[in-house]
């Protein structure tokens, strides 16, 4: 429920602070006084895109802030999902717009995206203006009304989960068919590629090993010469390092008894001797392994050329990538060879899911059909007192293809008299009749679910007298039970039935025109309604009539 509205520097409004209350409230004022400005400010709170031109002339920023009591609504989940602090007793929504065109939105002093603000705003305030009557042209609106009355939210969730699975399986089936068709067209080419890579007997690390062997064999003479020179330096007769280390070690050991430090030196020489002896053996062994074989080199280079050609042909940089491509081709060929089995399995899955959808859709249809009879009866009981004694109202449900909402096409059919055939309401009802239909629908829905704060913007267009009074009674009924309904009206019959009455007025000041909104006292209400009855020249009869309407 909207408890407080604060507006500053918005078009003609300098500053507005107004308290709002549960029940049925009315807002009156002359045409052009600024009622639409207040609705425009509320629209910004609901996430509508801002325009810096709406900032009051001379101001650098406008602020619109509203306080809500959410204690009767189960909305904590929304705040948790969006990481917003939750205060059920006082939730504050604020929108700021600067002259530079920057817009910011806050919920409980936490900045939020405009989409989040709009999502929240849609759950808090329902502004019903004349263009909202166009909703009657939309089948999803009519279907949603029927579902609300049917109370089938749980069945809808089950159906939508099943339909989502069915839709996903259908997409998978379509993709598989397309892939099979593409692969079958390329099957021979894919098989040739796989055979070529498979016959190449690829192995990880082979390329690097062959490149190293080729390099070694190409420089075999240089390598053998260097190894020979190293072997001679290490193990040469009399001049080799190892023999000289051996001699030095013996010499130190011979003096160890008289020169104790020689023992440690001898041990270090022994360690060096062992290490160099091992190196010498490896060098000698390597000399025997190095041999130039022209035939083997030719074989190595031929293999390297084959591998390089494959890499270039398949645009890869390594043998590992070629192996991965080979395995991928094998998988595709396997899918082609076994495509009929996979296709049949997925087709069976789609068939079963479609049957499940059909079953749950039938359950929704049964609930909607039952609710339709209730809607028809309820709407007649509301429309007849609104000046349509011969009205007929029916709900048509036709079967369609499966959609996200089931397989029902819902149409509200209407006729204002007994001689005209029933037709879709948006096609045959006048503006005043559509307004009464929409009011009746919202009144009916409000008795089933907790609607947010509802604001009716001149829903009384095209009606007067007794019908206006009945519409006011309906809106007053909607405002019972802690609910909140506000009606912007030009009709005294509606204004008189409000539990709270606000007036919007426009005043000329030295600084320009200013719009304001005030809550009227009982005496002020008498004067306002009398003026609505008789115009600017308020007569005694109009005052008396106003008192009778207000029952004061």
Protein backbone atom coordinates (compact mmCIF):
# COMPACT_ATOMS: atom_id res chain seq x y z
CA UNK A 1 0.00 0.00 0.00
CA UNK A 2 1.22 3.48 -0.89
CA UNK A 3 1.49 5.46 2.37
CA UNK A 4 3.32 8.64 1.41
CA UNK A 5 4.23 10.41 -1.82
CA UNK A 6 6.89 13.10 -2.09
CA UNK A 7 7.50 15.05 -5.31
CA UNK A 8 9.98 17.88 -5.75
CA UNK A 9 10.71 19.98 -8.84
CA UNK A 10 8.65 17.87 -11.26
CA UNK A 11 7.12 19.96 -14.10
CA UNK A 12 4.65 22.33 -12.34
CA UNK A 13 5.07 20.81 -8.89
CA UNK A 14 7.45 22.73 -6.66
CA UNK A 15 7.08 20.45 -3.63
CA UNK A 16 4.39 17.94 -2.73
CA UNK A 17 4.10 15.80 0.40
CA UNK A 18 0.90 13.85 0.74
CA UNK A 19 -0.21 11.01 3.01
CA UNK A 20 -2.33 8.26 1.49
CA UNK A 21 -4.58 5.76 3.22
CA UNK A 22 -6.19 2.37 2.66
CA UNK A 23 -9.69 2.19 1.28
CA UNK A 24 -11.21 4.14 -1.59
CA UNK A 25 -9.73 7.60 -2.19
CA UNK A 26 -10.71 10.10 -4.87
CA UNK A 27 -8.71 12.82 -6.60
CA UNK A 28 -10.53 15.71 -8.23
CA UNK A 29 -9.57 18.99 -9.85
CA UNK A 30 -10.25 21.04 -12.91
CA UNK A 31 -8.94 19.95 -16.28
CA UNK A 32 -5.30 20.98 -16.58
CA UNK A 33 -4.85 21.38 -12.83
CA UNK A 34 -2.07 18.79 -12.75
CA UNK A 35 -3.63 15.38 -12.10
CA UNK A 36 -1.77 13.95 -15.08
CA UNK A 37 1.46 15.40 -13.67
CA UNK A 38 1.05 13.36 -10.49
CA UNK A 39 0.40 10.26 -12.58
CA UNK A 40 3.52 11.07 -14.59
CA UNK A 41 5.57 11.23 -11.40
CA UNK A 42 4.17 7.87 -10.27
CA UNK A 43 4.99 6.44 -13.71
CA UNK A 44 8.64 7.38 -13.16
CA UNK A 45 8.54 5.46 -9.88
CA UNK A 46 7.25 2.47 -11.81
CA UNK A 47 10.31 2.48 -14.07
CA UNK A 48 9.15 4.59 -17.01
CA UNK A 49 11.97 6.20 -18.97
CA UNK A 50 12.74 9.73 -17.81
CA UNK A 51 13.01 12.97 -19.76
CA UNK A 52 15.02 15.87 -18.37
CA UNK A 53 12.35 18.23 -19.78
CA UNK A 54 10.07 17.16 -16.92
CA UNK A 55 12.33 18.90 -14.39
CA UNK A 56 10.80 22.13 -13.12
CA UNK A 57 12.22 25.17 -14.88
CA UNK A 58 15.23 26.56 -13.02
CA UNK A 59 15.81 23.41 -10.92
CA UNK A 60 18.85 21.18 -11.30
CA UNK A 61 17.23 17.98 -10.06
CA UNK A 62 13.79 16.49 -9.44
CA UNK A 63 13.08 13.81 -6.84
CA UNK A 64 10.10 11.50 -6.57
CA UNK A 65 9.88 9.29 -3.50
CA UNK A 66 7.20 6.92 -2.24
CA UNK A 67 6.84 4.95 0.99
CA UNK A 68 5.04 1.61 0.89
CA UNK A 69 3.65 -0.73 3.51
CA UNK A 70 4.29 -4.27 2.23
CA UNK A 71 3.36 -6.09 5.43
CA UNK A 72 0.32 -7.68 3.74
CA UNK A 73 2.26 -8.85 0.70
CA UNK A 74 4.63 -11.78 0.44
CA UNK A 75 7.45 -9.96 -1.35
CA UNK A 76 10.55 -10.82 0.66
CA UNK A 77 11.66 -13.23 -2.04
CA UNK A 78 11.92 -10.42 -4.60
CA UNK A 79 14.16 -8.38 -2.31
CA UNK A 80 16.34 -11.40 -1.48
CA UNK A 81 16.70 -12.30 -5.17
CA UNK A 82 17.84 -8.77 -5.98
CA UNK A 83 20.06 -8.30 -2.88
CA UNK A 84 17.95 -5.40 -1.60
CA UNK A 85 17.39 -4.71 2.07
CA UNK A 86 13.82 -5.65 3.01
CA UNK A 87 11.60 -3.54 5.26
CA UNK A 88 7.99 -4.66 5.06
CA UNK A 89 6.68 -1.75 7.12
CA UNK A 90 8.45 1.04 5.23
CA UNK A 91 9.83 0.29 1.79
CA UNK A 92 11.12 3.45 0.11
CA UNK A 93 11.35 3.85 -3.65
CA UNK A 94 13.12 6.94 -4.98
CA UNK A 95 13.79 8.24 -8.47
CA UNK A 96 16.11 11.14 -9.17
CA UNK A 97 16.54 12.97 -12.46
CA UNK A 98 19.11 15.69 -13.13
CA UNK A 99 18.95 18.51 -15.65
CA UNK A 100 21.96 16.89 -17.36
CA UNK A 101 19.76 13.92 -18.19
CA UNK A 102 21.12 11.46 -15.61
CA UNK A 103 18.58 9.21 -13.93
CA UNK A 104 19.07 7.15 -10.78
CA UNK A 105 16.74 4.77 -8.97
CA UNK A 106 16.89 3.57 -5.36
CA UNK A 107 15.00 1.02 -3.29
CA UNK A 108 15.56 1.40 0.45
CA UNK A 109 18.52 3.69 -0.37
CA UNK A 110 20.18 0.99 -2.48
CA UNK A 111 20.79 1.85 -6.17
CA UNK A 112 18.92 -0.45 -8.57
CA UNK A 113 18.66 -0.87 -12.32
CA UNK A 114 15.64 0.56 -14.09
CA UNK A 115 14.50 -2.94 -15.04
CA UNK A 116 14.51 -3.95 -11.36
CA UNK A 117 12.55 -0.83 -10.44
CA UNK A 118 9.98 -1.60 -13.14
CA UNK A 119 9.63 -5.21 -12.00
CA UNK A 120 9.03 -4.06 -8.43
CA UNK A 121 6.76 -1.20 -9.47
CA UNK A 122 4.50 -3.54 -11.44
CA UNK A 123 3.87 -5.45 -8.20
CA UNK A 124 3.11 -2.34 -6.14
CA UNK A 125 0.93 -0.02 -8.24
CA UNK A 126 -1.51 -0.73 -11.05
CA UNK A 127 -2.35 2.47 -12.91
CA UNK A 128 -5.46 1.94 -15.02
CA UNK A 129 -5.72 4.69 -17.62
CA UNK A 130 -7.92 4.73 -20.71
CA UNK A 131 -5.21 3.13 -22.86
CA UNK A 132 -5.19 0.17 -20.47
CA UNK A 133 -8.62 -0.71 -21.90
CA UNK A 134 -6.66 -1.90 -24.94
CA UNK A 135 -5.68 -4.91 -22.83
CA UNK A 136 -9.05 -6.36 -23.75
CA UNK A 137 -7.67 -6.81 -27.26
CA UNK A 138 -4.93 -9.08 -25.95
CA UNK A 139 -5.66 -12.76 -25.50
CA UNK A 140 -2.92 -13.24 -22.90
CA UNK A 141 -4.65 -10.65 -20.65
CA UNK A 142 -7.97 -12.43 -20.97
CA UNK A 143 -6.28 -15.76 -20.31
CA UNK A 144 -4.50 -14.40 -17.22
CA UNK A 145 -7.81 -13.13 -15.79
CA UNK A 146 -9.33 -16.57 -16.27
CA UNK A 147 -6.31 -18.26 -14.66
CA UNK A 148 -6.50 -15.95 -11.64
CA UNK A 149 -10.13 -16.90 -11.09
CA UNK A 150 -9.32 -20.57 -11.69
CA UNK A 151 -6.55 -20.41 -9.10
CA UNK A 152 -4.46 -22.82 -11.16
CA UNK A 153 -1.00 -21.33 -10.58
CA UNK A 154 0.40 -24.68 -9.44
CA UNK A 155 -0.94 -26.49 -12.49
CA UNK A 156 0.52 -23.76 -14.70
CA UNK A 157 3.97 -24.25 -13.15
CA UNK A 158 3.84 -28.00 -13.76
CA UNK A 159 2.68 -27.50 -17.33
CA UNK A 160 5.29 -24.85 -18.13
CA UNK A 161 8.11 -27.04 -16.80
CA UNK A 162 6.86 -29.90 -18.98
CA UNK A 163 6.44 -27.62 -21.98
CA UNK A 164 9.95 -26.21 -21.52
CA UNK A 165 11.37 -29.75 -21.55
CA UNK A 166 9.30 -30.58 -24.66
CA UNK A 167 10.42 -27.38 -26.41
CA UNK A 168 14.07 -28.11 -25.61
CA UNK A 169 13.74 -31.69 -26.89
CA UNK A 170 12.17 -30.40 -30.11
CA UNK A 171 15.08 -28.02 -30.61
CA UNK A 172 17.53 -30.87 -30.01
CA UNK A 173 15.64 -33.03 -32.52
CA UNK A 174 15.73 -30.29 -35.15
CA UNK A 175 19.44 -29.72 -34.57
CA UNK A 176 20.16 -33.47 -34.79
CA UNK A 177 18.24 -33.79 -38.07
CA UNK A 178 20.14 -30.85 -39.54
CA UNK A 179 23.46 -32.27 -38.35
CA UNK A 180 22.66 -35.72 -39.76
CA UNK A 181 21.72 -34.18 -43.10
CA UNK A 182 24.92 -32.14 -43.22
CA UNK A 183 27.06 -35.08 -42.15
CA UNK A 184 25.46 -37.47 -44.62
CA UNK A 185 26.16 -35.04 -47.43
CA UNK A 186 29.82 -34.93 -46.33
CA UNK A 187 30.10 -38.56 -45.21
CA UNK A 188 32.47 -39.66 -48.01
CA UNK A 189 34.72 -36.66 -47.50
CA UNK A 190 34.75 -37.14 -43.72
CA UNK A 191 35.58 -40.82 -44.15
CA UNK A 192 38.46 -39.98 -46.52
CA UNK A 193 39.88 -37.48 -44.01
CA UNK A 194 39.57 -39.95 -41.13
CA UNK A 195 41.21 -42.76 -43.13
CA UNK A 196 44.08 -40.48 -44.13
CA UNK A 197 44.74 -39.46 -40.51
CA UNK A 198 44.18 -42.97 -39.18
CA UNK A 199 46.60 -44.54 -41.67
CA UNK A 200 49.22 -41.97 -40.70
CA UNK A 201 49.57 -43.82 -37.35
CA UNK A 202 50.00 -40.58 -35.44
CA UNK A 203 51.68 -40.63 -32.04
CA UNK A 204 52.19 -37.86 -29.48
CA UNK A 205 55.79 -36.63 -29.38
CA UNK A 206 56.79 -38.38 -32.60
CA UNK A 207 57.40 -35.16 -34.54
CA UNK A 208 59.78 -33.74 -31.94
CA UNK A 209 61.65 -37.04 -31.70
CA UNK A 210 62.06 -37.32 -35.49
CA UNK A 211 63.19 -33.71 -35.78
CA UNK A 212 65.86 -34.34 -33.14
CA UNK A 213 67.04 -37.58 -34.82
CA UNK A 214 67.24 -35.82 -38.19
CA UNK A 215 69.23 -32.98 -36.71
CA UNK A 216 71.64 -35.41 -34.99
CA UNK A 217 72.18 -37.57 -38.07
CA UNK A 218 72.72 -34.54 -40.32
CA UNK A 219 75.57 -33.38 -38.04
CA UNK A 220 76.90 -36.86 -37.23
CA UNK A 221 80.55 -36.18 -38.22
CA UNK A 222 80.74 -32.97 -36.17
CA UNK A 223 79.18 -34.70 -33.20
CA UNK A 224 81.50 -37.71 -33.39
CA UNK A 225 84.56 -35.44 -33.68
CA UNK A 226 83.53 -33.46 -30.60
CA UNK A 227 82.77 -36.61 -28.63
CA UNK A 228 86.16 -38.10 -29.62
CA UNK A 229 87.94 -34.97 -28.47
CA UNK A 230 86.04 -35.01 -25.17
CA UNK A 231 86.72 -38.72 -24.67
CA UNK A 232 90.43 -38.23 -25.23
CA UNK A 233 90.51 -35.34 -22.75
CA UNK A 234 88.73 -37.41 -20.16
CA UNK A 235 90.24 -40.85 -20.68
CA UNK A 236 93.39 -40.38 -22.83
CA UNK A 237 96.37 -42.58 -21.93
CA UNK A 238 98.46 -40.70 -19.39
CA UNK A 239 96.94 -37.32 -20.25
CA UNK A 240 93.27 -37.99 -19.45
CA UNK A 241 91.64 -36.03 -16.64
CA UNK A 242 90.41 -39.17 -14.90
CA UNK A 243 93.88 -40.75 -14.77
CA UNK A 244 95.42 -37.53 -13.46
CA UNK A 245 92.72 -37.28 -10.76
CA UNK A 246 93.45 -40.85 -9.78
CA UNK A 247 97.16 -40.05 -9.40
CA UNK A 248 96.40 -36.90 -7.35
CA UNK A 249 94.15 -38.86 -5.01
CA UNK A 250 96.79 -41.51 -4.32
CA UNK A 251 99.40 -38.81 -3.59
CA UNK A 252 97.19 -37.12 -0.97
CA UNK A 253 96.25 -40.38 0.69
CA UNK A 254 99.97 -41.22 1.11
CA UNK A 255 100.54 -38.14 3.26
CA UNK A 256 97.28 -38.31 5.22
CA UNK A 257 99.03 -39.80 8.25
CA UNK A 258 101.38 -36.84 8.58
CA UNK A 259 99.08 -34.23 7.02
CA UNK A 260 95.50 -34.85 8.25
CA UNK A 261 93.95 -32.19 5.96
CA UNK A 262 94.96 -34.34 3.01
CA UNK A 263 92.23 -36.87 3.90
CA UNK A 264 89.37 -34.43 3.17
CA UNK A 265 91.09 -33.24 -0.01
CA UNK A 266 91.52 -36.82 -1.16
CA UNK A 267 87.84 -37.58 -0.54
CA UNK A 268 86.80 -34.56 -2.61
CA UNK A 269 89.10 -35.66 -5.45
CA UNK A 270 87.60 -39.18 -5.25
CA UNK A 271 84.11 -37.69 -5.61
CA UNK A 272 85.17 -35.66 -8.64
CA UNK A 273 86.87 -38.74 -10.09
CA UNK A 274 83.70 -40.85 -9.75
CA UNK A 275 81.55 -38.15 -11.43
CA UNK A 276 84.01 -37.57 -14.29
CA UNK A 277 84.52 -41.33 -14.74
CA UNK A 278 80.75 -41.64 -15.24
CA UNK A 279 80.74 -38.73 -17.72
CA UNK A 280 83.63 -40.33 -19.60
CA UNK A 281 81.73 -43.62 -19.92
CA UNK A 282 78.64 -41.81 -21.28
CA UNK A 283 80.73 -39.87 -23.79
CA UNK A 284 82.37 -43.10 -24.94
CA UNK A 285 79.01 -44.83 -25.24
CA UNK A 286 77.57 -41.91 -27.21
CA UNK A 287 80.46 -42.18 -29.67
CA UNK A 288 79.41 -45.73 -30.46
CA UNK A 289 75.73 -44.72 -30.90
CA UNK A 290 76.43 -41.94 -33.39
CA UNK A 291 76.47 -43.34 -36.87
CA UNK A 292 75.48 -41.80 -40.19
CA UNK A 293 73.00 -43.94 -42.13
CA UNK A 294 71.80 -42.25 -45.37
CA UNK A 295 68.88 -44.67 -45.74
CA UNK A 296 67.63 -44.02 -42.21
CA UNK A 297 68.00 -40.24 -42.62
CA UNK A 298 66.01 -40.42 -45.84
CA UNK A 299 63.29 -42.42 -44.06
CA UNK A 300 63.17 -39.90 -41.20
CA UNK A 301 62.90 -36.91 -43.53
CA UNK A 302 60.22 -38.63 -45.58
CA UNK A 303 58.17 -39.21 -42.44
CA UNK A 304 58.70 -35.60 -41.35
CA UNK A 305 57.52 -34.35 -44.75
CA UNK A 306 54.36 -36.45 -44.39
CA UNK A 307 53.62 -35.06 -40.95
CA UNK A 308 54.32 -31.46 -42.03
CA UNK A 309 51.99 -31.94 -45.01
CA UNK A 310 49.18 -33.19 -42.78
CA UNK A 311 49.62 -30.26 -40.40
CA UNK A 312 49.44 -27.77 -43.25
CA UNK A 313 46.52 -29.53 -44.93
CA UNK A 314 44.41 -29.61 -41.78
CA UNK A 315 45.56 -26.22 -40.44
CA UNK A 316 47.00 -27.58 -37.21
CA UNK A 317 50.14 -26.77 -35.25
CA UNK A 318 50.91 -30.09 -33.60
CA UNK A 319 50.47 -33.84 -33.83
CA UNK A 320 48.16 -33.61 -30.80
CA UNK A 321 45.76 -31.41 -32.79
CA UNK A 322 45.83 -33.88 -35.68
CA UNK A 323 45.02 -36.72 -33.27
CA UNK A 324 42.11 -34.67 -31.81
CA UNK A 325 40.80 -34.03 -35.33
CA UNK A 326 41.07 -37.72 -36.17
CA UNK A 327 39.07 -38.65 -33.06
CA UNK A 328 36.48 -35.94 -33.81
CA UNK A 329 36.02 -37.32 -37.32
CA UNK A 330 35.65 -40.81 -35.89
CA UNK A 331 32.89 -39.54 -33.57
CA UNK A 332 31.06 -37.85 -36.46
CA UNK A 333 31.29 -40.98 -38.56
CA UNK A 334 30.02 -43.02 -35.62
CA UNK A 335 27.08 -40.65 -35.24
CA UNK A 336 26.33 -40.97 -38.94
CA UNK A 337 26.51 -44.75 -38.76
CA UNK A 338 24.26 -44.77 -35.67
CA UNK A 339 22.12 -41.73 -36.51
CA UNK A 340 18.92 -43.70 -37.01
CA UNK A 341 19.10 -45.04 -33.47
CA UNK A 342 19.83 -41.62 -31.91
CA UNK A 343 17.10 -40.00 -34.03
CA UNK A 344 14.54 -42.58 -32.99
CA UNK A 345 15.45 -42.18 -29.32
CA UNK A 346 15.00 -38.40 -29.46
CA UNK A 347 11.77 -38.69 -31.45
CA UNK A 348 10.38 -41.04 -28.81
CA UNK A 349 11.38 -38.56 -26.09
CA UNK A 350 9.59 -35.72 -27.90
CA UNK A 351 6.51 -37.85 -28.40
CA UNK A 352 6.34 -38.71 -24.70
CA UNK A 353 6.92 -35.12 -23.58
CA UNK A 354 4.24 -33.89 -25.99
CA UNK A 355 1.81 -36.41 -24.53
CA UNK A 356 2.67 -35.16 -21.03
CA UNK A 357 2.11 -31.56 -22.18
CA UNK A 358 -1.22 -32.54 -23.67
CA UNK A 359 -2.28 -34.18 -20.42
CA UNK A 360 -1.39 -31.15 -18.28
CA UNK A 361 -2.85 -28.76 -20.87
CA UNK A 362 -6.14 -30.69 -20.67
CA UNK A 363 -6.09 -30.21 -16.89
CA UNK A 364 -5.64 -26.46 -17.40
CA UNK A 365 -8.49 -26.41 -19.89
CA UNK A 366 -10.79 -28.18 -17.42
CA UNK A 367 -9.94 -25.64 -14.69
CA UNK A 368 -10.39 -22.73 -17.07
CA UNK A 369 -13.70 -24.03 -18.39
CA UNK A 370 -15.02 -24.27 -14.85
CA UNK A 371 -13.71 -20.79 -14.03
CA UNK A 372 -15.23 -19.41 -17.24
CA UNK A 373 -18.74 -20.18 -16.02
CA UNK A 374 -17.96 -18.40 -12.76
CA UNK A 375 -16.56 -15.38 -14.62
CA UNK A 376 -19.62 -15.15 -16.84
CA UNK A 377 -21.96 -15.19 -13.85
CA UNK A 378 -19.88 -12.73 -11.83
CA UNK A 379 -19.47 -10.28 -14.73
CA UNK A 380 -23.21 -10.21 -15.42
CA UNK A 381 -23.92 -9.47 -11.77
CA UNK A 382 -21.53 -6.51 -11.97
CA UNK A 383 -22.37 -5.16 -15.42
CA UNK A 384 -26.16 -5.12 -15.10
CA UNK A 385 -26.14 -2.53 -12.27
CA UNK A 386 -23.75 -0.42 -14.34
CA UNK A 387 -26.48 0.61 -16.77
CA UNK A 388 -26.50 -2.45 -19.03
CA UNK A 389 -29.68 -4.39 -18.14
CA UNK A 390 -29.60 -6.55 -21.30
CA UNK A 391 -25.87 -7.19 -21.33
CA UNK A 392 -24.52 -10.60 -22.23
CA UNK A 393 -21.01 -11.72 -21.39
CA UNK A 394 -19.42 -15.05 -22.28
CA UNK A 395 -15.98 -16.63 -22.18
CA UNK A 396 -14.99 -18.58 -25.28
CA UNK A 397 -12.26 -21.21 -25.02
CA UNK A 398 -10.94 -22.68 -28.27
CA UNK A 399 -8.27 -25.33 -28.62
CA UNK A 400 -5.01 -24.28 -30.28
CA UNK A 401 -1.55 -25.71 -30.76
CA UNK A 402 0.47 -26.21 -27.60
CA UNK A 403 2.03 -22.98 -26.34
CA UNK A 404 3.72 -21.88 -23.14
CA UNK A 405 0.24 -21.29 -21.63
CA UNK A 406 -1.42 -24.51 -22.73
CA UNK A 407 -3.60 -25.08 -25.77
CA UNK A 408 -6.39 -22.59 -25.04
CA UNK A 409 -7.38 -19.44 -26.93
CA UNK A 410 -9.54 -17.35 -24.61
CA UNK A 411 -11.85 -14.60 -25.85
CA UNK A 412 -14.23 -12.43 -23.84
CA UNK A 413 -17.45 -12.08 -25.83
CA UNK A 414 -19.84 -9.20 -25.25
CA UNK A 415 -23.16 -7.82 -26.33
CA UNK A 416 -24.86 -4.79 -24.79
CA UNK A 417 -28.33 -6.01 -25.78
CA UNK A 418 -30.24 -9.19 -26.41
CA UNK A 419 -30.58 -8.77 -30.20
CA UNK A 420 -26.89 -8.36 -31.08
CA UNK A 421 -24.79 -11.53 -31.37
CA UNK A 422 -21.90 -12.02 -29.01
CA UNK A 423 -18.58 -10.76 -30.38
CA UNK A 424 -15.11 -10.06 -28.95
CA UNK A 425 -15.56 -7.26 -26.44
CA UNK A 426 -12.81 -5.03 -27.86
CA UNK A 427 -14.51 -5.06 -31.27
CA UNK A 428 -18.09 -4.17 -30.31
CA UNK A 429 -18.09 -2.36 -26.96
CA UNK A 430 -18.08 1.42 -26.82
CA UNK A 431 -15.49 3.34 -24.80
CA UNK A 432 -17.84 3.68 -21.84
CA UNK A 433 -18.82 0.02 -22.02
CA UNK A 434 -15.20 -1.14 -22.16
CA UNK A 435 -14.41 1.03 -19.12
CA UNK A 436 -17.20 -0.67 -17.20
CA UNK A 437 -16.06 -4.12 -18.34
CA UNK A 438 -12.49 -3.42 -17.21
CA UNK A 439 -13.67 -2.08 -13.87
CA UNK A 440 -15.82 -5.17 -13.35
CA UNK A 441 -12.92 -7.46 -14.27
CA UNK A 442 -10.57 -5.78 -11.83
CA UNK A 443 -13.19 -5.78 -9.11
CA UNK A 444 -13.71 -9.50 -9.68
CA UNK A 445 -9.97 -10.23 -9.64
CA UNK A 446 -9.43 -8.13 -6.51
CA UNK A 447 -11.71 -10.46 -4.63
CA UNK A 448 -9.47 -13.40 -5.52
CA UNK A 449 -5.92 -12.07 -5.21
CA UNK A 450 -4.22 -9.22 -3.41
CA UNK A 451 -3.91 -6.61 -6.10
CA UNK A 452 -1.42 -3.79 -5.54
CA UNK A 453 -2.49 -0.21 -5.10
CA UNK A 454 -4.90 0.48 -7.96
CA UNK A 455 -5.20 3.94 -9.50
CA UNK A 456 -8.13 4.50 -11.89
CA UNK A 457 -7.52 7.43 -14.21
CA UNK A 458 -10.93 8.73 -15.30
CA UNK A 459 -12.42 5.27 -15.73
CA UNK A 460 -15.80 7.02 -15.45
CA UNK A 461 -15.50 8.42 -18.99
CA UNK A 462 -18.81 8.16 -20.80
CA UNK A 463 -20.98 7.47 -17.71
CA UNK A 464 -22.97 9.59 -15.29
CA UNK A 465 -25.75 9.54 -12.72
CA UNK A 466 -26.78 6.18 -11.31
CA UNK A 467 -24.14 4.27 -13.28
CA UNK A 468 -21.38 6.49 -11.89
CA UNK A 469 -22.65 5.82 -8.38
CA UNK A 470 -22.58 2.07 -9.01
CA UNK A 471 -19.01 2.32 -10.33
CA UNK A 472 -18.04 4.24 -7.21
CA UNK A 473 -19.63 1.56 -5.02
CA UNK A 474 -17.66 -1.07 -6.90
CA UNK A 475 -14.37 0.79 -6.42
CA UNK A 476 -15.23 1.37 -2.76
CA UNK A 477 -15.83 -2.36 -2.39
CA UNK A 478 -12.45 -3.04 -4.01
CA UNK A 479 -10.83 -0.82 -1.38
CA UNK A 480 -12.12 -2.87 1.53
CA UNK A 481 -10.10 -5.39 3.51
CA UNK A 482 -7.00 -3.21 3.77
CA UNK A 483 -6.74 -2.71 0.00
CA UNK A 484 -6.10 0.68 -1.59
CA UNK A 485 -7.95 2.17 -4.55
CA UNK A 486 -7.55 5.72 -5.89
CA UNK A 487 -9.79 7.20 -8.57
CA UNK A 488 -9.13 10.37 -10.55
CA UNK A 489 -12.62 11.54 -11.42
CA UNK A 490 -14.71 14.43 -12.73
CA UNK A 491 -18.00 12.99 -11.44
CA UNK A 492 -19.47 14.17 -8.11
CA UNK A 493 -21.25 10.83 -7.59
CA UNK A 494 -17.87 9.06 -7.51
CA UNK A 495 -16.07 11.80 -5.57
CA UNK A 496 -18.71 11.70 -2.83
CA UNK A 497 -18.16 8.00 -2.09
CA UNK A 498 -14.42 8.28 -1.44
CA UNK A 499 -13.33 7.68 2.13
CA UNK A 500 -10.54 10.20 1.50
CA UNK A 501 -10.73 13.12 -0.92
CA UNK A 502 -7.76 14.94 -2.51
CA UNK A 503 -7.89 18.00 -4.72
CA UNK A 504 -5.33 19.00 -7.32
CA UNK A 505 -5.20 22.70 -8.06
CA UNK A 506 -3.10 25.04 -10.15
CA UNK A 507 -1.97 28.39 -8.74
CA UNK A 508 -0.33 31.38 -10.42
CA UNK A 509 2.63 32.75 -8.41
CA UNK A 510 5.33 35.37 -9.09
CA UNK A 511 7.64 32.45 -9.87
CA UNK A 512 5.21 30.84 -12.33
CA UNK A 513 2.40 28.32 -12.32
CA UNK A 514 2.44 25.72 -9.52
CA UNK A 515 0.33 22.57 -9.09
CA UNK A 516 -0.52 21.29 -5.64
CA UNK A 517 -2.47 18.44 -4.10
CA UNK A 518 -4.23 18.65 -0.73
CA UNK A 519 -6.45 16.44 1.39
CA UNK A 520 -9.88 18.02 1.84
CA UNK A 521 -11.80 18.38 5.08
CA UNK A 522 -15.49 17.57 5.21
CA UNK A 523 -16.42 21.23 4.66
CA UNK A 524 -13.99 21.52 1.77
CA UNK A 525 -15.42 18.36 0.22
CA UNK A 526 -18.91 19.86 0.32
CA UNK A 527 -17.64 22.93 -1.51
CA UNK A 528 -15.65 20.88 -4.06
CA UNK A 529 -18.52 18.53 -4.90
CA UNK A 530 -20.97 21.44 -5.07
CA UNK A 531 -18.66 23.09 -7.60
CA UNK A 532 -18.49 19.84 -9.56
CA UNK A 533 -22.31 19.81 -9.61
CA UNK A 534 -22.98 23.40 -10.60
CA UNK A 535 -19.76 24.83 -12.00
CA UNK A 536 -17.94 27.96 -10.86
CA UNK A 537 -21.14 29.60 -9.56
CA UNK A 538 -21.92 27.43 -6.55
CA UNK A 539 -25.60 27.60 -5.63
CA UNK A 540 -27.31 26.79 -2.36
CA UNK A 541 -29.05 23.90 -4.10
CA UNK A 542 -25.69 22.53 -5.24
CA UNK A 543 -24.35 22.75 -1.67
CA UNK A 544 -27.40 20.93 -0.35
CA UNK A 545 -27.09 18.30 -3.05
CA UNK A 546 -23.40 17.87 -2.19
CA UNK A 547 -24.26 17.33 1.48
CA UNK A 548 -26.82 14.70 0.49
CA UNK A 549 -24.24 12.91 -1.64
CA UNK A 550 -21.74 13.01 1.22
CA UNK A 551 -24.43 12.15 3.78
CA UNK A 552 -23.32 14.99 6.09
